[in-house]
Amino acid sequence: MTPPTATSLTLLVLAAITMVAAADGPPATYLFFVDPTPPGVTCMQYHLGILTAALGSEEKAKAAIIYNYKNVVSGFSARVTPAELEAIKKQPHVNRALPSATLQLMSSNFDGVN
């Protein structure tokens, strides 16, 4: 049996890295509903704080966040991987996480009005 070459070892390492990355899954957009923003803190600071605690850095949090909701609900939307989703859901101020979805009307004809 011949010893492994540098090329075969490199391919083995690349295959292992690819398998780990694939196991985490591709990022997707989620809506996160959180406790109301505390007085004296902006909703952006509050939401970034939650994401930073879950993702490990403010840079990752800023890259993930898409939109902040503050008027009707308290929450934000963010693009995260399945592993990041689970970390965010464990945060104490996060009440619910839902996948983002775009819905379309099945018909634009309501009682004869177009």
PDB file of N, CA and C in Angstrom:
ATOM      1  N   MET A   1       0.851  -1.186   0.000  1.00  0.00           N
ATOM      2  CA  MET A   1       0.000   0.000   0.000  1.00  0.00           C
ATOM      3  C   MET A   1       0.889   1.238   0.000  1.00  0.00           C
ATOM      4  N   THR A   2       0.559   2.188  -0.844  1.00  0.00           N
ATOM      5  CA  THR A   2       1.377   3.385  -0.951  1.00  0.00           C
ATOM      6  C   THR A   2       0.874   4.450   0.017  1.00  0.00           C
ATOM      7  N   PRO A   3       1.785   5.306   0.520  1.00  0.00           N
ATOM      8  CA  PRO A   3       1.356   6.365   1.438  1.00  0.00           C
ATOM      9  C   PRO A   3       0.519   7.405   0.697  1.00  0.00           C
ATOM     10  N   PRO A   4      -0.396   8.071   1.402  1.00  0.00           N
ATOM     11  CA  PRO A   4      -1.239   9.075   0.745  1.00  0.00           C
ATOM     12  C   PRO A   4      -0.402  10.257   0.256  1.00  0.00           C
ATOM     13  N   THR A   5      -0.786  10.775  -0.857  1.00  0.00           N
ATOM     14  CA  THR A   5      -0.081  11.923  -1.418  1.00  0.00           C
ATOM     15  C   THR A   5      -0.699  13.211  -0.885  1.00  0.00           C
ATOM     16  N   ALA A   6       0.003  14.309  -1.091  1.00  0.00           N
ATOM     17  CA  ALA A   6      -0.501  15.609  -0.647  1.00  0.00           C
ATOM     18  C   ALA A   6      -1.814  15.943  -1.346  1.00  0.00           C
ATOM     19  N   THR A   7      -1.927  15.553  -2.616  1.00  0.00           N
ATOM     20  CA  THR A   7      -3.157  15.831  -3.365  1.00  0.00           C
ATOM     21  C   THR A   7      -4.337  15.075  -2.778  1.00  0.00           C
ATOM     22  N   SER A   8      -4.149  13.808  -2.446  1.00  0.00           N
ATOM     23  CA  SER A   8      -5.267  13.035  -1.903  1.00  0.00           C
ATOM     24  C   SER A   8      -5.644  13.529  -0.507  1.00  0.00           C
ATOM     25  N   LEU A   9      -4.657  13.959   0.286  1.00  0.00           N
ATOM     26  CA  LEU A   9      -4.966  14.522   1.601  1.00  0.00           C
ATOM     27  C   LEU A   9      -5.726  15.841   1.462  1.00  0.00           C
ATOM     28  N   THR A  10      -5.325  16.656   0.514  1.00  0.00           N
ATOM     29  CA  THR A  10      -6.019  17.920   0.271  1.00  0.00           C
ATOM     30  C   THR A  10      -7.460  17.666  -0.143  1.00  0.00           C
ATOM     31  N   LEU A  11      -7.667  16.705  -1.034  1.00  0.00           N
ATOM     32  CA  LEU A  11      -9.036  16.376  -1.465  1.00  0.00           C
ATOM     33  C   LEU A  11      -9.871  15.860  -0.315  1.00  0.00           C
ATOM     34  N   LEU A  12      -9.268  15.075   0.562  1.00  0.00           N
ATOM     35  CA  LEU A  12      -9.980  14.551   1.724  1.00  0.00           C
ATOM     36  C   LEU A  12     -10.409  15.679   2.655  1.00  0.00           C
ATOM     37  N   VAL A  13      -9.528  16.634   2.900  1.00  0.00           N
ATOM     38  CA  VAL A  13      -9.847  17.777   3.761  1.00  0.00           C
ATOM     39  C   VAL A  13     -10.950  18.624   3.128  1.00  0.00           C
ATOM     40  N   LEU A  14     -10.851  18.879   1.838  1.00  0.00           N
ATOM     41  CA  LEU A  14     -11.883  19.667   1.149  1.00  0.00           C
ATOM     42  C   LEU A  14     -13.243  18.961   1.191  1.00  0.00           C
ATOM     43  N   ALA A  15     -13.247  17.664   1.048  1.00  0.00           N
ATOM     44  CA  ALA A  15     -14.495  16.905   1.121  1.00  0.00           C
ATOM     45  C   ALA A  15     -15.105  17.006   2.511  1.00  0.00           C
ATOM     46  N   ALA A  16     -14.277  16.937   3.545  1.00  0.00           N
ATOM     47  CA  ALA A  16     -14.772  17.041   4.921  1.00  0.00           C
ATOM     48  C   ALA A  16     -15.360  18.422   5.181  1.00  0.00           C
ATOM     49  N   ILE A  17     -14.685  19.468   4.701  1.00  0.00           N
ATOM     50  CA  ILE A  17     -15.182  20.830   4.872  1.00  0.00           C
ATOM     51  C   ILE A  17     -16.513  21.008   4.151  1.00  0.00           C
ATOM     52  N   THR A  18     -16.623  20.487   2.953  1.00  0.00           N
ATOM     53  CA  THR A  18     -17.869  20.580   2.177  1.00  0.00           C
ATOM     54  C   THR A  18     -19.008  19.868   2.887  1.00  0.00           C
ATOM     55  N   MET A  19     -18.736  18.705   3.470  1.00  0.00           N
ATOM     56  CA  MET A  19     -19.778  17.960   4.171  1.00  0.00           C
ATOM     57  C   MET A  19     -20.260  18.721   5.398  1.00  0.00           C
ATOM     58  N   VAL A  20     -19.352  19.361   6.143  1.00  0.00           N
ATOM     59  CA  VAL A  20     -19.738  20.132   7.318  1.00  0.00           C
ATOM     60  C   VAL A  20     -20.572  21.334   6.900  1.00  0.00           C
ATOM     61  N   ALA A  21     -20.165  22.025   5.848  1.00  0.00           N
ATOM     62  CA  ALA A  21     -20.918  23.187   5.371  1.00  0.00           C
ATOM     63  C   ALA A  21     -22.299  22.777   4.879  1.00  0.00           C
ATOM     64  N   ALA A  22     -22.414  21.656   4.194  1.00  0.00           N
ATOM     65  CA  ALA A  22     -23.701  21.191   3.684  1.00  0.00           C
ATOM     66  C   ALA A  22     -24.619  20.763   4.813  1.00  0.00           C
ATOM     67  N   ALA A  23     -24.064  20.223   5.899  1.00  0.00           N
ATOM     68  CA  ALA A  23     -24.883  19.777   7.021  1.00  0.00           C
ATOM     69  C   ALA A  23     -25.569  20.951   7.687  1.00  0.00           C
ATOM     70  N   ASP A  24     -24.948  22.122   7.665  1.00  0.00           N
ATOM     71  CA  ASP A  24     -25.542  23.301   8.279  1.00  0.00           C
ATOM     72  C   ASP A  24     -26.690  23.834   7.434  1.00  0.00           C
ATOM     73  N   GLY A  25     -26.664  23.633   6.159  1.00  0.00           N
ATOM     74  CA  GLY A  25     -27.739  24.062   5.282  1.00  0.00           C
ATOM     75  C   GLY A  25     -27.567  25.488   4.812  1.00  0.00           C
ATOM     76  N   PRO A  26     -28.280  25.822   3.744  1.00  0.00           N
ATOM     77  CA  PRO A  26     -28.187  27.175   3.195  1.00  0.00           C
ATOM     78  C   PRO A  26     -28.950  28.175   4.063  1.00  0.00           C
ATOM     79  N   PRO A  27     -28.556  29.444   4.019  1.00  0.00           N
ATOM     80  CA  PRO A  27     -29.289  30.448   4.785  1.00  0.00           C
ATOM     81  C   PRO A  27     -30.681  30.677   4.201  1.00  0.00           C
ATOM     82  N   ALA A  28     -31.598  31.068   5.068  1.00  0.00           N
ATOM     83  CA  ALA A  28     -32.962  31.393   4.668  1.00  0.00           C
ATOM     84  C   ALA A  28     -33.416  32.592   5.499  1.00  0.00           C
ATOM     85  N   THR A  29     -34.461  33.273   5.040  1.00  0.00           N
ATOM     86  CA  THR A  29     -34.971  34.444   5.740  1.00  0.00           C
ATOM     87  C   THR A  29     -36.067  34.032   6.716  1.00  0.00           C
ATOM     88  N   TYR A  30     -35.955  34.545   7.936  1.00  0.00           N
ATOM     89  CA  TYR A  30     -36.921  34.259   8.993  1.00  0.00           C
ATOM     90  C   TYR A  30     -37.409  35.560   9.615  1.00  0.00           C
ATOM     91  N   LEU A  31     -38.625  35.518  10.160  1.00  0.00           N
ATOM     92  CA  LEU A  31     -39.173  36.615  10.946  1.00  0.00           C
ATOM     93  C   LEU A  31     -39.060  36.212  12.410  1.00  0.00           C
ATOM     94  N   PHE A  32     -38.499  37.087  13.226  1.00  0.00           N
ATOM     95  CA  PHE A  32     -38.337  36.825  14.648  1.00  0.00           C
ATOM     96  C   PHE A  32     -39.194  37.816  15.429  1.00  0.00           C
ATOM     97  N   PHE A  33     -40.077  37.286  16.269  1.00  0.00           N
ATOM     98  CA  PHE A  33     -40.915  38.102  17.129  1.00  0.00           C
ATOM     99  C   PHE A  33     -40.295  38.100  18.513  1.00  0.00           C
ATOM    100  N   VAL A  34     -40.032  39.308  19.046  1.00  0.00           N
ATOM    101  CA  VAL A  34     -39.312  39.435  20.312  1.00  0.00           C
ATOM    102  C   VAL A  34     -40.110  40.283  21.294  1.00  0.00           C
ATOM    103  N   ASP A  35     -39.669  40.285  22.557  1.00  0.00           N
ATOM    104  CA  ASP A  35     -40.285  41.135  23.573  1.00  0.00           C
ATOM    105  C   ASP A  35     -40.182  42.593  23.135  1.00  0.00           C
ATOM    106  N   PRO A  36     -41.090  43.447  23.630  1.00  0.00           N
ATOM    107  CA  PRO A  36     -41.020  44.872  23.265  1.00  0.00           C
ATOM    108  C   PRO A  36     -39.672  45.490  23.638  1.00  0.00           C
ATOM    109  N   THR A  37     -39.270  46.463  22.845  1.00  0.00           N
ATOM    110  CA  THR A  37     -38.002  47.162  23.081  1.00  0.00           C
ATOM    111  C   THR A  37     -38.063  47.910  24.410  1.00  0.00           C
ATOM    112  N   PRO A  38     -37.041  47.750  25.259  1.00  0.00           N
ATOM    113  CA  PRO A  38     -37.023  48.464  26.541  1.00  0.00           C
ATOM    114  C   PRO A  38     -36.909  49.978  26.338  1.00  0.00           C
ATOM    115  N   PRO A  39     -37.421  50.783  27.284  1.00  0.00           N
ATOM    116  CA  PRO A  39     -37.300  52.238  27.168  1.00  0.00           C
ATOM    117  C   PRO A  39     -35.829  52.671  27.117  1.00  0.00           C
ATOM    118  N   GLY A  40     -35.559  53.686  26.316  1.00  0.00           N
ATOM    119  CA  GLY A  40     -34.210  54.237  26.225  1.00  0.00           C
ATOM    120  C   GLY A  40     -33.290  53.509  25.265  1.00  0.00           C
ATOM    121  N   VAL A  41     -33.794  52.488  24.580  1.00  0.00           N
ATOM    122  CA  VAL A  41     -32.995  51.722  23.624  1.00  0.00           C
ATOM    123  C   VAL A  41     -33.728  51.743  22.286  1.00  0.00           C
ATOM    124  N   THR A  42     -33.009  51.976  21.201  1.00  0.00           N
ATOM    125  CA  THR A  42     -33.662  51.926  19.885  1.00  0.00           C
ATOM    126  C   THR A  42     -33.925  50.468  19.518  1.00  0.00           C
ATOM    127  N   CYS A  43     -34.913  50.264  18.660  1.00  0.00           N
ATOM    128  CA  CYS A  43     -35.229  48.883  18.275  1.00  0.00           C
ATOM    129  C   CYS A  43     -34.045  48.250  17.532  1.00  0.00           C
ATOM    130  N   MET A  44     -33.304  49.031  16.755  1.00  0.00           N
ATOM    131  CA  MET A  44     -32.144  48.493  16.049  1.00  0.00           C
ATOM    132  C   MET A  44     -31.080  48.006  17.035  1.00  0.00           C
ATOM    133  N   GLN A  45     -30.795  48.787  18.075  1.00  0.00           N
ATOM    134  CA  GLN A  45     -29.822  48.374  19.088  1.00  0.00           C
ATOM    135  C   GLN A  45     -30.290  47.097  19.796  1.00  0.00           C
ATOM    136  N   TYR A  46     -31.567  47.058  20.130  1.00  0.00           N
ATOM    137  CA  TYR A  46     -32.138  45.916  20.838  1.00  0.00           C
ATOM    138  C   TYR A  46     -32.058  44.646  19.989  1.00  0.00           C
ATOM    139  N   HIS A  47     -32.478  44.750  18.736  1.00  0.00           N
ATOM    140  CA  HIS A  47     -32.470  43.595  17.846  1.00  0.00           C
ATOM    141  C   HIS A  47     -31.044  43.142  17.527  1.00  0.00           C
ATOM    142  N   LEU A  48     -30.145  44.090  17.304  1.00  0.00           N
ATOM    143  CA  LEU A  48     -28.739  43.733  17.064  1.00  0.00           C
ATOM    144  C   LEU A  48     -28.133  43.057  18.288  1.00  0.00           C
ATOM    145  N   GLY A  49     -28.538  43.487  19.472  1.00  0.00           N
ATOM    146  CA  GLY A  49     -28.042  42.864  20.697  1.00  0.00           C
ATOM    147  C   GLY A  49     -28.456  41.401  20.784  1.00  0.00           C
ATOM    148  N   ILE A  50     -29.697  41.120  20.434  1.00  0.00           N
ATOM    149  CA  ILE A  50     -30.197  39.736  20.444  1.00  0.00           C
ATOM    150  C   ILE A  50     -29.428  38.901  19.424  1.00  0.00           C
ATOM    151  N   LEU A  51     -29.284  39.438  18.206  1.00  0.00           N
ATOM    152  CA  LEU A  51     -28.558  38.702  17.159  1.00  0.00           C
ATOM    153  C   LEU A  51     -27.083  38.529  17.500  1.00  0.00           C
ATOM    154  N   THR A  52     -26.454  39.552  18.055  1.00  0.00           N
ATOM    155  CA  THR A  52     -25.038  39.469  18.416  1.00  0.00           C
ATOM    156  C   THR A  52     -24.818  38.383  19.463  1.00  0.00           C
ATOM    157  N   ALA A  53     -25.707  38.306  20.444  1.00  0.00           N
ATOM    158  CA  ALA A  53     -25.588  37.272  21.484  1.00  0.00           C
ATOM    159  C   ALA A  53     -25.701  35.875  20.875  1.00  0.00           C
ATOM    160  N   ALA A  54     -26.547  35.728  19.874  1.00  0.00           N
ATOM    161  CA  ALA A  54     -26.756  34.414  19.264  1.00  0.00           C
ATOM    162  C   ALA A  54     -25.678  34.058  18.248  1.00  0.00           C
ATOM    163  N   LEU A  55     -25.231  35.034  17.462  1.00  0.00           N
ATOM    164  CA  LEU A  55     -24.307  34.758  16.361  1.00  0.00           C
ATOM    165  C   LEU A  55     -22.841  34.931  16.739  1.00  0.00           C
ATOM    166  N   GLY A  56     -22.570  35.601  17.858  1.00  0.00           N
ATOM    167  CA  GLY A  56     -21.200  35.702  18.327  1.00  0.00           C
ATOM    168  C   GLY A  56     -20.450  36.966  17.960  1.00  0.00           C
ATOM    169  N   SER A  57     -20.976  37.767  17.033  1.00  0.00           N
ATOM    170  CA  SER A  57     -20.308  39.026  16.706  1.00  0.00           C
ATOM    171  C   SER A  57     -21.308  40.017  16.118  1.00  0.00           C
ATOM    172  N   GLU A  58     -21.014  41.292  16.354  1.00  0.00           N
ATOM    173  CA  GLU A  58     -21.885  42.335  15.823  1.00  0.00           C
ATOM    174  C   GLU A  58     -21.805  42.392  14.297  1.00  0.00           C
ATOM    175  N   GLU A  59     -20.652  42.062  13.733  1.00  0.00           N
ATOM    176  CA  GLU A  59     -20.503  42.061  12.277  1.00  0.00           C
ATOM    177  C   GLU A  59     -21.437  41.032  11.643  1.00  0.00           C
ATOM    178  N   LYS A  60     -21.487  39.822  12.221  1.00  0.00           N
ATOM    179  CA  LYS A  60     -22.390  38.795  11.711  1.00  0.00           C
ATOM    180  C   LYS A  60     -23.841  39.226  11.867  1.00  0.00           C
ATOM    181  N   ALA A  61     -24.151  39.861  12.990  1.00  0.00           N
ATOM    182  CA  ALA A  61     -25.520  40.321  13.239  1.00  0.00           C
ATOM    183  C   ALA A  61     -25.930  41.373  12.214  1.00  0.00           C
ATOM    184  N   LYS A  62     -25.041  42.342  11.948  1.00  0.00           N
ATOM    185  CA  LYS A  62     -25.351  43.395  10.973  1.00  0.00           C
ATOM    186  C   LYS A  62     -25.498  42.832   9.566  1.00  0.00           C
ATOM    187  N   ALA A  63     -24.716  41.801   9.255  1.00  0.00           N
ATOM    188  CA  ALA A  63     -24.815  41.187   7.927  1.00  0.00           C
ATOM    189  C   ALA A  63     -26.101  40.381   7.783  1.00  0.00           C
ATOM    190  N   ALA A  64     -26.605  39.829   8.868  1.00  0.00           N
ATOM    191  CA  ALA A  64     -27.789  38.961   8.811  1.00  0.00           C
ATOM    192  C   ALA A  64     -29.104  39.729   8.818  1.00  0.00           C
ATOM    193  N   ILE A  65     -29.163  40.834   9.540  1.00  0.00           N
ATOM    194  CA  ILE A  65     -30.440  41.534   9.729  1.00  0.00           C
ATOM    195  C   ILE A  65     -30.900  42.201   8.434  1.00  0.00           C
ATOM    196  N   ILE A  66     -32.191  42.093   8.165  1.00  0.00           N
ATOM    197  CA  ILE A  66     -32.766  42.665   6.951  1.00  0.00           C
ATOM    198  C   ILE A  66     -33.655  43.855   7.274  1.00  0.00           C
ATOM    199  N   TYR A  67     -34.530  43.693   8.272  1.00  0.00           N
ATOM    200  CA  TYR A  67     -35.503  44.735   8.579  1.00  0.00           C
ATOM    201  C   TYR A  67     -35.897  44.664  10.047  1.00  0.00           C
ATOM    202  N   ASN A  68     -36.189  45.819  10.633  1.00  0.00           N
ATOM    203  CA  ASN A  68     -36.678  45.906  12.007  1.00  0.00           C
ATOM    204  C   ASN A  68     -38.149  46.278  12.009  1.00  0.00           C
ATOM    205  N   TYR A  69     -38.937  45.597  12.835  1.00  0.00           N
ATOM    206  CA  TYR A  69     -40.365  45.901  12.981  1.00  0.00           C
ATOM    207  C   TYR A  69     -40.581  46.475  14.368  1.00  0.00           C
ATOM    208  N   LYS A  70     -41.293  47.614  14.448  1.00  0.00           N
ATOM    209  CA  LYS A  70     -41.489  48.226  15.757  1.00  0.00           C
ATOM    210  C   LYS A  70     -42.882  48.811  15.968  1.00  0.00           C
ATOM    211  N   ASN A  71     -43.658  49.047  14.911  1.00  0.00           N
ATOM    212  CA  ASN A  71     -44.940  49.717  15.088  1.00  0.00           C
ATOM    213  C   ASN A  71     -46.070  48.773  15.478  1.00  0.00           C
ATOM    214  N   VAL A  72     -46.266  47.708  14.745  1.00  0.00           N
ATOM    215  CA  VAL A  72     -47.362  46.782  15.022  1.00  0.00           C
ATOM    216  C   VAL A  72     -46.869  45.611  15.865  1.00  0.00           C
ATOM    217  N   VAL A  73     -45.692  45.104  15.556  1.00  0.00           N
ATOM    218  CA  VAL A  73     -45.074  44.022  16.317  1.00  0.00           C
ATOM    219  C   VAL A  73     -43.636  44.416  16.633  1.00  0.00           C
ATOM    220  N   SER A  74     -43.079  43.765  17.620  1.00  0.00           N
ATOM    221  CA  SER A  74     -41.668  43.956  17.943  1.00  0.00           C
ATOM    222  C   SER A  74     -40.911  42.767  17.379  1.00  0.00           C
ATOM    223  N   GLY A  75     -40.031  43.047  16.430  1.00  0.00           N
ATOM    224  CA  GLY A  75     -39.285  41.944  15.842  1.00  0.00           C
ATOM    225  C   GLY A  75     -38.385  42.400  14.721  1.00  0.00           C
ATOM    226  N   PHE A  76     -37.823  41.424  14.033  1.00  0.00           N
ATOM    227  CA  PHE A  76     -36.924  41.714  12.924  1.00  0.00           C
ATOM    228  C   PHE A  76     -36.909  40.535  11.979  1.00  0.00           C
ATOM    229  N   SER A  77     -36.434  40.781  10.766  1.00  0.00           N
ATOM    230  CA  SER A  77     -36.210  39.692   9.818  1.00  0.00           C
ATOM    231  C   SER A  77     -34.705  39.593   9.599  1.00  0.00           C
ATOM    232  N   ALA A  78     -34.255  38.355   9.406  1.00  0.00           N
ATOM    233  CA  ALA A  78     -32.825  38.121   9.220  1.00  0.00           C
ATOM    234  C   ALA A  78     -32.619  36.881   8.357  1.00  0.00           C
ATOM    235  N   ARG A  79     -31.507  36.876   7.648  1.00  0.00           N
ATOM    236  CA  ARG A  79     -31.137  35.727   6.810  1.00  0.00           C
ATOM    237  C   ARG A  79     -30.094  34.930   7.580  1.00  0.00           C
ATOM    238  N   VAL A  80     -30.465  33.705   7.978  1.00  0.00           N
ATOM    239  CA  VAL A  80     -29.607  32.895   8.838  1.00  0.00           C
ATOM    240  C   VAL A  80     -29.588  31.438   8.387  1.00  0.00           C
ATOM    241  N   THR A  81     -28.565  30.718   8.814  1.00  0.00           N
ATOM    242  CA  THR A  81     -28.463  29.285   8.548  1.00  0.00           C
ATOM    243  C   THR A  81     -29.310  28.534   9.586  1.00  0.00           C
ATOM    244  N   PRO A  82     -29.580  27.250   9.360  1.00  0.00           N
ATOM    245  CA  PRO A  82     -30.336  26.481  10.353  1.00  0.00           C
ATOM    246  C   PRO A  82     -29.683  26.471  11.743  1.00  0.00           C
ATOM    247  N   ALA A  83     -28.363  26.380  11.808  1.00  0.00           N
ATOM    248  CA  ALA A  83     -27.677  26.395  13.110  1.00  0.00           C
ATOM    249  C   ALA A  83     -27.834  27.754  13.797  1.00  0.00           C
ATOM    250  N   GLU A  84     -27.725  28.836  13.018  1.00  0.00           N
ATOM    251  CA  GLU A  84     -27.911  30.173  13.580  1.00  0.00           C
ATOM    252  C   GLU A  84     -29.350  30.370  14.036  1.00  0.00           C
ATOM    253  N   LEU A  85     -30.304  29.832  13.286  1.00  0.00           N
ATOM    254  CA  LEU A  85     -31.718  29.897  13.660  1.00  0.00           C
ATOM    255  C   LEU A  85     -31.929  29.286  15.042  1.00  0.00           C
ATOM    256  N   GLU A  86     -31.365  28.120  15.269  1.00  0.00           N
ATOM    257  CA  GLU A  86     -31.519  27.451  16.564  1.00  0.00           C
ATOM    258  C   GLU A  86     -30.892  28.271  17.688  1.00  0.00           C
ATOM    259  N   ALA A  87     -29.747  28.908  17.431  1.00  0.00           N
ATOM    260  CA  ALA A  87     -29.098  29.744  18.443  1.00  0.00           C
ATOM    261  C   ALA A  87     -29.948  30.965  18.769  1.00  0.00           C
ATOM    262  N   ILE A  88     -30.573  31.569  17.757  1.00  0.00           N
ATOM    263  CA  ILE A  88     -31.422  32.748  17.981  1.00  0.00           C
ATOM    264  C   ILE A  88     -32.675  32.357  18.763  1.00  0.00           C
ATOM    265  N   LYS A  89     -33.273  31.227  18.419  1.00  0.00           N
ATOM    266  CA  LYS A  89     -34.490  30.781  19.104  1.00  0.00           C
ATOM    267  C   LYS A  89     -34.256  30.522  20.596  1.00  0.00           C
ATOM    268  N   LYS A  90     -33.021  30.264  20.990  1.00  0.00           N
ATOM    269  CA  LYS A  90     -32.687  30.020  22.398  1.00  0.00           C
ATOM    270  C   LYS A  90     -32.527  31.305  23.209  1.00  0.00           C
ATOM    271  N   GLN A  91     -32.505  32.447  22.540  1.00  0.00           N
ATOM    272  CA  GLN A  91     -32.343  33.710  23.249  1.00  0.00           C
ATOM    273  C   GLN A  91     -33.598  34.008  24.073  1.00  0.00           C
ATOM    274  N   PRO A  92     -33.429  34.517  25.300  1.00  0.00           N
ATOM    275  CA  PRO A  92     -34.582  34.691  26.195  1.00  0.00           C
ATOM    276  C   PRO A  92     -35.647  35.679  25.706  1.00  0.00           C
ATOM    277  N   HIS A  93     -35.283  36.657  24.887  1.00  0.00           N
ATOM    278  CA  HIS A  93     -36.254  37.663  24.439  1.00  0.00           C
ATOM    279  C   HIS A  93     -36.954  37.284  23.138  1.00  0.00           C
ATOM    280  N   VAL A  94     -36.574  36.165  22.551  1.00  0.00           N
ATOM    281  CA  VAL A  94     -37.183  35.717  21.294  1.00  0.00           C
ATOM    282  C   VAL A  94     -38.397  34.844  21.614  1.00  0.00           C
ATOM    283  N   ASN A  95     -39.553  35.261  21.120  1.00  0.00           N
ATOM    284  CA  ASN A  95     -40.798  34.545  21.399  1.00  0.00           C
ATOM    285  C   ASN A  95     -41.168  33.550  20.310  1.00  0.00           C
ATOM    286  N   ARG A  96     -40.840  33.897  19.065  1.00  0.00           N
ATOM    287  CA  ARG A  96     -41.241  33.036  17.955  1.00  0.00           C
ATOM    288  C   ARG A  96     -40.387  33.334  16.738  1.00  0.00           C
ATOM    289  N   ALA A  97     -40.152  32.303  15.931  1.00  0.00           N
ATOM    290  CA  ALA A  97     -39.431  32.450  14.668  1.00  0.00           C
ATOM    291  C   ALA A  97     -40.237  31.742  13.587  1.00  0.00           C
ATOM    292  N   LEU A  98     -40.490  32.459  12.506  1.00  0.00           N
ATOM    293  CA  LEU A  98     -41.253  31.899  11.394  1.00  0.00           C
ATOM    294  C   LEU A  98     -40.487  32.105  10.091  1.00  0.00           C
ATOM    295  N   PRO A  99     -40.529  31.126   9.198  1.00  0.00           N
ATOM    296  CA  PRO A  99     -39.891  31.348   7.891  1.00  0.00           C
ATOM    297  C   PRO A  99     -40.644  32.433   7.129  1.00  0.00           C
ATOM    298  N   SER A 100     -39.904  33.272   6.468  1.00  0.00           N
ATOM    299  CA  SER A 100     -40.512  34.317   5.654  1.00  0.00           C
ATOM    300  C   SER A 100     -41.148  33.687   4.423  1.00  0.00           C
ATOM    301  N   ALA A 101     -42.305  34.201   4.040  1.00  0.00           N
ATOM    302  CA  ALA A 101     -43.006  33.669   2.871  1.00  0.00           C
ATOM    303  C   ALA A 101     -43.671  34.811   2.114  1.00  0.00           C
ATOM    304  N   THR A 102     -43.686  34.698   0.816  1.00  0.00           N
ATOM    305  CA  THR A 102     -44.404  35.647  -0.029  1.00  0.00           C
ATOM    306  C   THR A 102     -45.683  34.963  -0.491  1.00  0.00           C
ATOM    307  N   LEU A 103     -46.796  35.573  -0.180  1.00  0.00           N
ATOM    308  CA  LEU A 103     -48.086  35.002  -0.548  1.00  0.00           C
ATOM    309  C   LEU A 103     -48.694  35.799  -1.695  1.00  0.00           C
ATOM    310  N   GLN A 104     -49.409  35.113  -2.561  1.00  0.00           N
ATOM    311  CA  GLN A 104     -50.068  35.774  -3.678  1.00  0.00           C
ATOM    312  C   GLN A 104     -51.558  35.482  -3.631  1.00  0.00           C
ATOM    313  N   LEU A 105     -52.330  36.456  -4.080  1.00  0.00           N
ATOM    314  CA  LEU A 105     -53.769  36.248  -4.178  1.00  0.00           C
ATOM    315  C   LEU A 105     -54.051  35.199  -5.254  1.00  0.00           C
ATOM    316  N   MET A 106     -55.029  34.371  -4.979  1.00  0.00           N
ATOM    317  CA  MET A 106     -55.399  33.386  -5.990  1.00  0.00           C
ATOM    318  C   MET A 106     -56.267  34.031  -7.061  1.00  0.00           C
ATOM    319  N   SER A 107     -56.936  35.116  -6.703  1.00  0.00           N
ATOM    320  CA  SER A 107     -57.791  35.799  -7.663  1.00  0.00           C
ATOM    321  C   SER A 107     -57.830  37.265  -7.317  1.00  0.00           C
ATOM    322  N   SER A 108     -57.954  38.096  -8.318  1.00  0.00           N
ATOM    323  CA  SER A 108     -58.122  39.523  -8.066  1.00  0.00           C
ATOM    324  C   SER A 108     -59.573  39.937  -8.338  1.00  0.00           C
ATOM    325  N   ASN A 109     -60.434  38.969  -8.558  1.00  0.00           N
ATOM    326  CA  ASN A 109     -61.833  39.246  -8.852  1.00  0.00           C
ATOM    327  C   ASN A 109     -62.672  38.953  -7.605  1.00  0.00           C
ATOM    328  N   PHE A 110     -63.065  40.012  -6.900  1.00  0.00           N
ATOM    329  CA  PHE A 110     -63.878  39.871  -5.705  1.00  0.00           C
ATOM    330  C   PHE A 110     -65.254  40.466  -5.967  1.00  0.00           C
ATOM    331  N   ASP A 111     -66.245  39.628  -5.977  1.00  0.00           N
ATOM    332  CA  ASP A 111     -67.631  40.055  -6.218  1.00  0.00           C
ATOM    333  C   ASP A 111     -67.743  40.909  -7.485  1.00  0.00           C
ATOM    334  N   GLY A 112     -67.044  40.498  -8.520  1.00  0.00           N
ATOM    335  CA  GLY A 112     -67.144  41.186  -9.799  1.00  0.00           C
ATOM    336  C   GLY A 112     -66.287  42.423  -9.916  1.00  0.00           C
ATOM    337  N   VAL A 113     -65.541  42.780  -8.856  1.00  0.00           N
ATOM    338  CA  VAL A 113     -64.676  43.950  -8.897  1.00  0.00           C
ATOM    339  C   VAL A 113     -63.259  43.486  -9.176  1.00  0.00           C
ATOM    340  N   ASN A 114     -62.640  44.066 -10.200  1.00  0.00           N
ATOM    341  CA  ASN A 114     -61.263  43.699 -10.553  1.00  0.00           C
ATOM    342  C   ASN A 114     -60.275  44.671  -9.936  1.00  0.00           C
TER     343      ASN A 114
END
